[in-house]
Amino acid sequence: MQDSLDVNDHGSTAGPRRTETLGADAVLRAAEMLRRGGLVAFPTETVYGLGADATRAKAVALIYAAKERPRFNPLIAHVASVDAARREGVFDESALALAARFWPGPLTLVVPAAPGASVCDLARAGLDSVALRVPAHPLAHALLERVGRPVAAPSANRSGRISPTTAAHVLAELDGRIDAVLDGGATQVGLESTIVACLGAPRLLRPGGVPREALEAALGRPLLAPADEAGPRAPGMLASHYAPRARVRLSARRIEPGEAALLFGPDRPPGLEQAHAVLNLSESGDLAEAAARLFGHLRALDATGADVIEVAQIPENGLGEAINDRLRRAAAGRAPDAENNL
């Protein structure tokens, strides 16, 4: 079966385009917008982020307004280098080892905020820690270099909705709410960064683009599970996340008439011929390919108008852990305070 979307009786209407789309040659203009306190979506290797100057509370507040985002959930601050990150946070031996091995890349480290850190209190949700990442995408790196200060950037979508992996996805969610989107094509990893807290013994707060096994190999010891806290210590820790409008059911064994199907690998569940729409994350069972396609396929199936998306079983090893984490959150349903981060 081809990886195509077969749908009956669907369509959508788009409102007027007011958000400016910038090409890859407009990095200087995008940086100027951010330095003036504007909102600019930009690509990272994980998903598109909605950027604002992390040192200015008023700019950060615009992110919350554009995304309709809860204020108790902290934001990831993106910086251009390890040196820039160390000006914002206190790095212990574990944090330094992980930064040396995985930065630039899809890893976020939660560390104690450094004395005199410039990331504002609103971006840190009032916490004494800060979430930092050095992205690997060349366009993101060029933008951060030119901004010259940390850029707070959750995923560039409405709060609780599916994370965007193209500029078109950003516009579908935020057109008219932000100043511009810097179009760098489709993102490569396709799901958000792994988040590790280095506030004592390292803890895995959220699986993501760097598998647990690689992190533990770099550290030479297992990662601890998240600790129970009154509020989230880092982005992406609420129970209901990444929720499409359709209900999501996991480990599909049979497709009922009118349901959409999200497959993985060569298996074909009974009833597939009567599905409303069908997409496959990876015909060959490649987890990296599945991760890159996850949000785009969920978004496409949701747009068909199906009431239910049946999802095939995904293995838990490697990137499968992160994929299943997103799918479980999608299946939990959308809560008012659900949120995505990159």
Protein backbone atom coordinates (compact mmCIF):
# COMPACT_ATOMS: atom_id res chain seq x y z
CA MET A 1 0.00 0.00 0.00
CA GLN A 2 1.29 3.45 -0.84
CA ASP A 3 1.71 6.00 1.92
CA SER A 4 -1.21 8.07 0.72
CA LEU A 5 -4.31 9.58 2.17
CA ASP A 6 -7.56 8.24 0.76
CA VAL A 7 -10.56 10.21 1.96
CA ASN A 8 -14.16 10.77 1.01
CA ASP A 9 -16.13 13.99 1.51
CA HIS A 10 -13.62 16.23 3.22
CA GLY A 11 -12.38 19.76 2.78
CA SER A 12 -11.34 22.86 4.66
CA THR A 13 -11.53 26.60 4.42
CA ALA A 14 -8.63 28.94 5.18
CA GLY A 15 -8.92 32.46 6.51
CA PRO A 16 -7.04 35.45 5.13
CA ARG A 17 -3.25 35.16 5.33
CA ARG A 18 -1.89 37.92 7.55
CA THR A 19 1.23 36.33 9.04
CA GLU A 20 4.31 36.98 6.89
CA THR A 21 6.13 33.97 5.44
CA LEU A 22 9.89 34.47 5.30
CA GLY A 23 12.33 32.46 3.20
CA ALA A 24 15.61 31.05 4.46
CA ASP A 25 17.39 34.18 3.19
CA ALA A 26 15.41 36.40 5.57
CA VAL A 27 17.08 35.35 8.83
CA LEU A 28 18.20 38.90 9.59
CA ARG A 29 14.65 40.19 9.24
CA ALA A 30 13.33 37.40 11.48
CA ALA A 31 16.00 38.17 14.09
CA GLU A 32 15.10 41.85 14.03
CA MET A 33 11.44 41.00 14.64
CA LEU A 34 12.39 38.90 17.67
CA ARG A 35 14.70 41.59 19.06
CA ARG A 36 11.85 44.09 18.80
CA GLY A 37 9.61 41.82 20.88
CA GLY A 38 7.69 40.10 18.08
CA LEU A 39 6.68 36.48 17.56
CA VAL A 40 8.40 34.45 14.84
CA ALA A 41 7.92 30.74 14.20
CA PHE A 42 11.05 28.93 13.02
CA PRO A 43 12.14 25.38 12.22
CA THR A 44 14.26 23.22 14.47
CA GLU A 45 15.25 19.63 13.78
CA THR A 46 12.35 18.51 16.01
CA VAL A 47 9.27 20.65 15.21
CA TYR A 48 8.60 24.32 14.43
CA GLY A 49 8.92 26.58 17.45
CA LEU A 50 7.12 29.82 18.23
CA GLY A 51 9.94 32.14 19.18
CA ALA A 52 10.02 35.24 21.39
CA ASP A 53 12.81 37.05 23.22
CA ALA A 54 13.13 34.98 26.42
CA THR A 55 14.60 37.91 28.32
CA ARG A 56 11.47 40.09 27.92
CA ALA A 57 8.40 39.10 29.90
CA LYS A 58 6.11 41.11 27.63
CA ALA A 59 7.34 39.20 24.56
CA VAL A 60 6.95 35.87 26.37
CA ALA A 61 3.41 36.84 27.37
CA LEU A 62 2.58 37.16 23.67
CA ILE A 63 3.45 33.47 23.24
CA TYR A 64 0.93 32.54 25.92
CA ALA A 65 -1.70 34.74 24.30
CA ALA A 66 -1.10 33.43 20.77
CA LYS A 67 -1.15 29.81 21.90
CA GLU A 68 -3.85 30.22 24.59
CA ARG A 69 -1.32 28.49 26.82
CA PRO A 70 -1.43 27.93 30.61
CA ARG A 71 1.10 30.09 32.46
CA PHE A 72 2.29 27.47 34.93
CA ASN A 73 3.96 25.36 32.22
CA PRO A 74 7.57 26.53 31.64
CA LEU A 75 9.09 27.25 28.23
CA ILE A 76 12.30 25.94 26.69
CA ALA A 77 14.90 28.66 26.06
CA HIS A 78 16.90 28.08 22.88
CA VAL A 79 20.46 29.32 22.60
CA ALA A 80 23.18 29.17 19.95
CA SER A 81 25.94 27.41 21.91
CA VAL A 82 26.93 25.57 25.06
CA ASP A 83 28.70 28.69 26.28
CA ALA A 84 25.47 30.69 25.90
CA ALA A 85 23.58 27.95 27.79
CA ARG A 86 26.09 28.05 30.66
CA ARG A 87 25.44 31.74 31.10
CA GLU A 88 21.80 30.85 31.81
CA GLY A 89 22.11 27.66 33.85
CA VAL A 90 24.36 25.85 36.32
CA PHE A 91 25.70 22.67 34.73
CA ASP A 92 26.86 19.79 36.91
CA GLU A 93 29.00 16.89 35.67
CA SER A 94 26.01 15.01 34.22
CA ALA A 95 24.64 18.06 32.42
CA LEU A 96 28.06 18.82 30.95
CA ALA A 97 28.45 15.24 29.72
CA LEU A 98 25.04 15.26 28.04
CA ALA A 99 25.61 18.70 26.50
CA ALA A 100 28.99 17.62 25.14
CA ARG A 101 27.51 14.47 23.60
CA PHE A 102 24.12 15.64 22.29
CA TRP A 103 24.31 19.39 21.63
CA PRO A 104 23.51 20.71 19.15
CA GLY A 105 20.58 18.33 18.95
CA PRO A 106 17.10 17.29 20.12
CA LEU A 107 17.87 17.31 23.85
CA THR A 108 16.61 19.79 26.46
CA LEU A 109 18.39 20.02 29.81
CA VAL A 110 16.66 21.36 32.91
CA VAL A 111 19.29 22.83 35.23
CA PRO A 112 19.35 25.34 38.10
CA ALA A 113 19.05 28.90 36.85
CA ALA A 114 22.39 30.69 37.01
CA PRO A 115 22.78 33.82 39.16
CA GLY A 116 22.03 36.73 36.86
CA ALA A 117 20.41 34.51 34.20
CA SER A 118 18.61 36.56 31.55
CA VAL A 119 15.71 34.15 30.88
CA CYS A 120 12.78 35.91 32.51
CA ASP A 121 10.70 34.55 35.36
CA LEU A 122 7.59 34.22 33.16
CA ALA A 123 9.42 31.94 30.71
CA ARG A 124 10.58 29.81 33.67
CA ALA A 125 7.03 29.77 35.13
CA GLY A 126 8.47 31.09 38.39
CA LEU A 127 10.77 28.11 38.88
CA ASP A 128 14.36 28.24 40.14
CA SER A 129 15.39 26.07 37.19
CA VAL A 130 15.59 26.74 33.46
CA ALA A 131 15.03 24.45 30.44
CA LEU A 132 17.74 24.96 27.79
CA ARG A 133 18.41 23.59 24.32
CA VAL A 134 20.96 24.15 21.56
CA PRO A 135 19.13 23.12 18.36
CA ALA A 136 20.96 21.54 15.44
CA HIS A 137 18.88 22.96 12.57
CA PRO A 138 21.13 25.34 10.58
CA LEU A 139 18.37 27.92 10.13
CA ALA A 140 17.56 27.88 13.86
CA HIS A 141 21.25 28.22 14.68
CA ALA A 142 21.67 31.15 12.29
CA LEU A 143 18.62 32.86 13.78
CA LEU A 144 19.81 32.41 17.37
CA GLU A 145 23.27 33.71 16.49
CA ARG A 146 21.76 36.87 15.04
CA VAL A 147 19.29 37.42 17.88
CA GLY A 148 22.16 37.15 20.36
CA ARG A 149 19.99 36.24 23.36
CA PRO A 150 17.89 33.25 24.49
CA VAL A 151 14.71 32.63 22.49
CA ALA A 152 11.78 31.01 24.25
CA ALA A 153 10.08 28.68 21.79
CA PRO A 154 7.33 26.17 22.51
CA SER A 155 5.83 24.37 19.53
CA ALA A 156 4.17 26.75 17.07
CA ASN A 157 0.57 25.63 17.43
CA ARG A 158 -2.49 26.30 19.60
CA SER A 159 -2.07 24.87 23.07
CA GLY A 160 -2.85 21.17 23.25
CA ARG A 161 -2.97 20.68 19.49
CA ILE A 162 -0.70 18.64 17.23
CA SER A 163 2.85 19.97 16.89
CA PRO A 164 3.74 21.51 13.49
CA THR A 165 6.42 20.01 11.26
CA THR A 166 6.03 22.42 8.30
CA ALA A 167 5.46 26.15 7.88
CA ALA A 168 2.01 25.35 6.46
CA HIS A 169 1.09 23.62 9.74
CA VAL A 170 2.12 26.77 11.63
CA LEU A 171 -0.05 28.98 9.45
CA ALA A 172 -3.00 26.62 9.81
CA GLU A 173 -2.82 27.12 13.59
CA LEU A 174 -1.49 30.66 14.09
CA ASP A 175 -2.08 32.73 10.97
CA GLY A 176 -2.92 36.26 12.08
CA ARG A 177 -1.70 35.62 15.65
CA ILE A 178 2.06 35.93 15.06
CA ASP A 179 4.32 38.23 13.05
CA ALA A 180 6.06 35.75 10.77
CA VAL A 181 7.07 32.17 10.08
CA LEU A 182 10.58 31.39 8.84
CA ASP A 183 10.08 28.60 6.31
CA GLY A 184 12.83 26.00 6.44
CA GLY A 185 10.88 23.10 4.93
CA ALA A 186 9.79 19.98 6.78
CA THR A 187 11.52 19.18 10.06
CA GLN A 188 13.74 16.10 10.19
CA VAL A 189 13.13 14.46 13.58
CA GLY A 190 9.42 15.24 13.68
CA LEU A 191 8.82 14.92 17.42
CA GLU A 192 9.96 17.07 20.29
CA SER A 193 13.22 17.01 22.18
CA THR A 194 13.98 14.63 24.99
CA ILE A 195 13.94 16.47 28.34
CA VAL A 196 16.36 15.47 31.11
CA ALA A 197 16.48 17.22 34.49
CA CYS A 198 19.95 17.61 35.98
CA LEU A 199 18.87 18.82 39.41
CA GLY A 200 20.68 16.10 41.32
CA ALA A 201 20.57 12.58 39.87
CA PRO A 202 19.55 12.90 36.19
CA ARG A 203 15.85 12.23 35.51
CA LEU A 204 14.10 11.58 32.22
CA LEU A 205 11.19 14.03 32.23
CA ARG A 206 10.02 13.41 28.67
CA PRO A 207 11.17 10.94 26.00
CA GLY A 208 11.87 12.49 22.62
CA GLY A 209 14.36 12.80 19.79
CA VAL A 210 17.30 11.31 21.75
CA PRO A 211 16.49 7.75 22.91
CA ARG A 212 16.84 6.82 26.58
CA GLU A 213 19.43 4.16 25.72
CA ALA A 214 21.79 6.73 24.16
CA LEU A 215 21.46 9.05 27.16
CA GLU A 216 22.15 6.27 29.65
CA ALA A 217 25.16 5.12 27.63
CA ALA A 218 26.59 8.64 27.73
CA LEU A 219 26.01 8.90 31.49
CA GLY A 220 27.07 5.37 32.32
CA ARG A 221 24.00 4.85 34.53
CA PRO A 222 20.20 4.62 34.28
CA LEU A 223 18.04 7.72 34.26
CA LEU A 224 15.57 8.14 37.11
CA ALA A 225 11.83 8.48 36.49
CA PRO A 226 10.12 11.88 36.98
CA ALA A 227 9.48 12.85 40.59
CA ASP A 228 5.96 13.74 41.75
CA GLU A 229 5.64 17.53 42.01
CA ALA A 230 2.80 19.98 42.47
CA GLY A 231 3.35 21.43 38.99
CA PRO A 232 5.38 20.55 35.90
CA ARG A 233 9.15 21.05 36.25
CA ALA A 234 9.54 21.13 32.46
CA PRO A 235 7.42 21.42 29.32
CA GLY A 236 5.44 18.48 28.01
CA MET A 237 4.66 16.83 31.38
CA LEU A 238 0.88 17.20 31.53
CA ALA A 239 -1.19 14.03 31.08
CA SER A 240 -3.27 15.15 28.09
CA HIS A 241 -1.19 16.43 25.19
CA TYR A 242 -1.01 16.46 21.43
CA ALA A 243 -4.76 15.93 21.09
CA PRO A 244 -6.43 15.96 17.68
CA ARG A 245 -10.15 16.63 17.45
CA ALA A 246 -10.81 12.96 16.69
CA ARG A 247 -10.68 10.37 19.46
CA VAL A 248 -7.49 8.30 19.37
CA ARG A 249 -7.48 4.57 20.14
CA LEU A 250 -4.23 2.69 20.55
CA SER A 251 -3.09 -0.80 19.51
CA ALA A 252 -5.85 -1.15 16.93
CA ARG A 253 -6.87 -4.73 16.25
CA ARG A 254 -9.80 -3.97 13.96
CA ILE A 255 -10.89 -0.93 11.95
CA GLU A 256 -14.59 -0.17 12.16
CA PRO A 257 -16.51 1.46 9.26
CA GLY A 258 -15.82 5.18 9.02
CA GLU A 259 -12.75 5.18 11.29
CA ALA A 260 -9.35 6.46 10.19
CA ALA A 261 -6.32 4.15 10.49
CA LEU A 262 -2.75 5.08 11.40
CA LEU A 263 -0.60 2.05 10.63
CA PHE A 264 2.99 1.03 11.33
CA GLY A 265 4.86 -1.60 9.36
CA PRO A 266 3.41 -4.15 6.94
CA ASP A 267 0.55 -5.45 9.13
CA ARG A 268 -3.00 -4.79 7.93
CA PRO A 269 -5.70 -5.04 10.62
CA PRO A 270 -9.10 -6.50 9.74
CA GLY A 271 -11.62 -3.98 8.43
CA LEU A 272 -9.00 -1.78 6.77
CA GLU A 273 -10.91 -1.80 3.48
CA GLN A 274 -13.79 0.10 5.12
CA ALA A 275 -11.59 2.77 6.75
CA HIS A 276 -12.44 6.43 6.16
CA ALA A 277 -8.74 7.22 5.63
CA VAL A 278 -5.44 5.32 5.92
CA LEU A 279 -1.85 6.44 6.49
CA ASN A 280 1.23 4.44 7.43
CA LEU A 281 3.95 5.88 9.68
CA SER A 282 6.52 3.55 8.11
CA GLU A 283 5.84 0.64 5.77
CA SER A 284 9.26 -0.81 6.63
CA GLY A 285 8.82 -0.43 10.40
CA ASP A 286 11.51 2.27 10.70
CA LEU A 287 10.99 4.15 13.98
CA ALA A 288 12.94 7.22 12.85
CA GLU A 289 10.73 7.50 9.77
CA ALA A 290 7.66 6.99 11.97
CA ALA A 291 8.76 9.73 14.37
CA ALA A 292 9.30 12.20 11.52
CA ARG A 293 5.83 11.49 10.14
CA LEU A 294 3.87 11.23 13.41
CA PHE A 295 2.44 14.72 13.81
CA GLY A 296 1.93 15.30 10.10
CA HIS A 297 -0.02 12.05 9.75
CA LEU A 298 -2.10 12.71 12.87
CA ARG A 299 -2.91 16.16 11.53
CA ALA A 300 -3.83 14.81 8.07
CA LEU A 301 -6.11 12.09 9.49
CA ASP A 302 -7.74 14.56 11.86
CA ALA A 303 -8.46 16.88 8.93
CA THR A 304 -10.51 14.17 7.20
CA GLY A 305 -13.33 14.58 9.70
CA ALA A 306 -13.17 11.03 11.04
CA ASP A 307 -14.50 10.70 14.59
CA VAL A 308 -11.94 8.05 15.57
CA ILE A 309 -8.29 7.43 14.64
CA GLU A 310 -7.25 3.81 15.25
CA VAL A 311 -3.48 3.51 15.77
CA ALA A 312 -1.51 0.32 15.20
CA GLN A 313 0.79 -1.00 17.90
CA ILE A 314 4.23 0.68 18.00
CA PRO A 315 7.20 -1.03 19.69
CA GLU A 316 8.47 0.64 22.88
CA ASN A 317 12.20 0.42 22.10
CA GLY A 318 14.32 3.37 20.95
CA LEU A 319 12.28 6.22 19.46
CA GLY A 320 9.18 4.07 19.91
CA GLU A 321 9.09 5.14 23.57
CA ALA A 322 8.72 8.80 22.54
CA ILE A 323 6.20 8.01 19.79
CA ASN A 324 4.04 6.02 22.21
CA ASP A 325 4.31 8.78 24.80
CA ARG A 326 2.81 11.27 22.30
CA LEU A 327 0.13 8.81 21.23
CA ARG A 328 -0.91 8.04 24.82
CA ARG A 329 -1.27 11.75 25.50
CA ALA A 330 -3.32 12.16 22.31
CA ALA A 331 -5.53 9.25 23.37
CA ALA A 332 -6.06 10.85 26.79
CA GLY A 333 -8.11 13.60 25.16
CA ARG A 334 -7.56 17.35 25.13
CA ALA A 335 -7.52 19.10 28.50
CA PRO A 336 -7.74 22.88 28.86
CA ASP A 337 -4.14 23.10 30.07
CA ALA A 338 -2.55 20.65 27.63
CA GLU A 339 0.56 21.85 25.83
CA ASN A 340 3.33 20.85 23.44
CA ASN A 341 6.99 21.91 23.37
CA LEU A 342 9.84 21.28 21.08
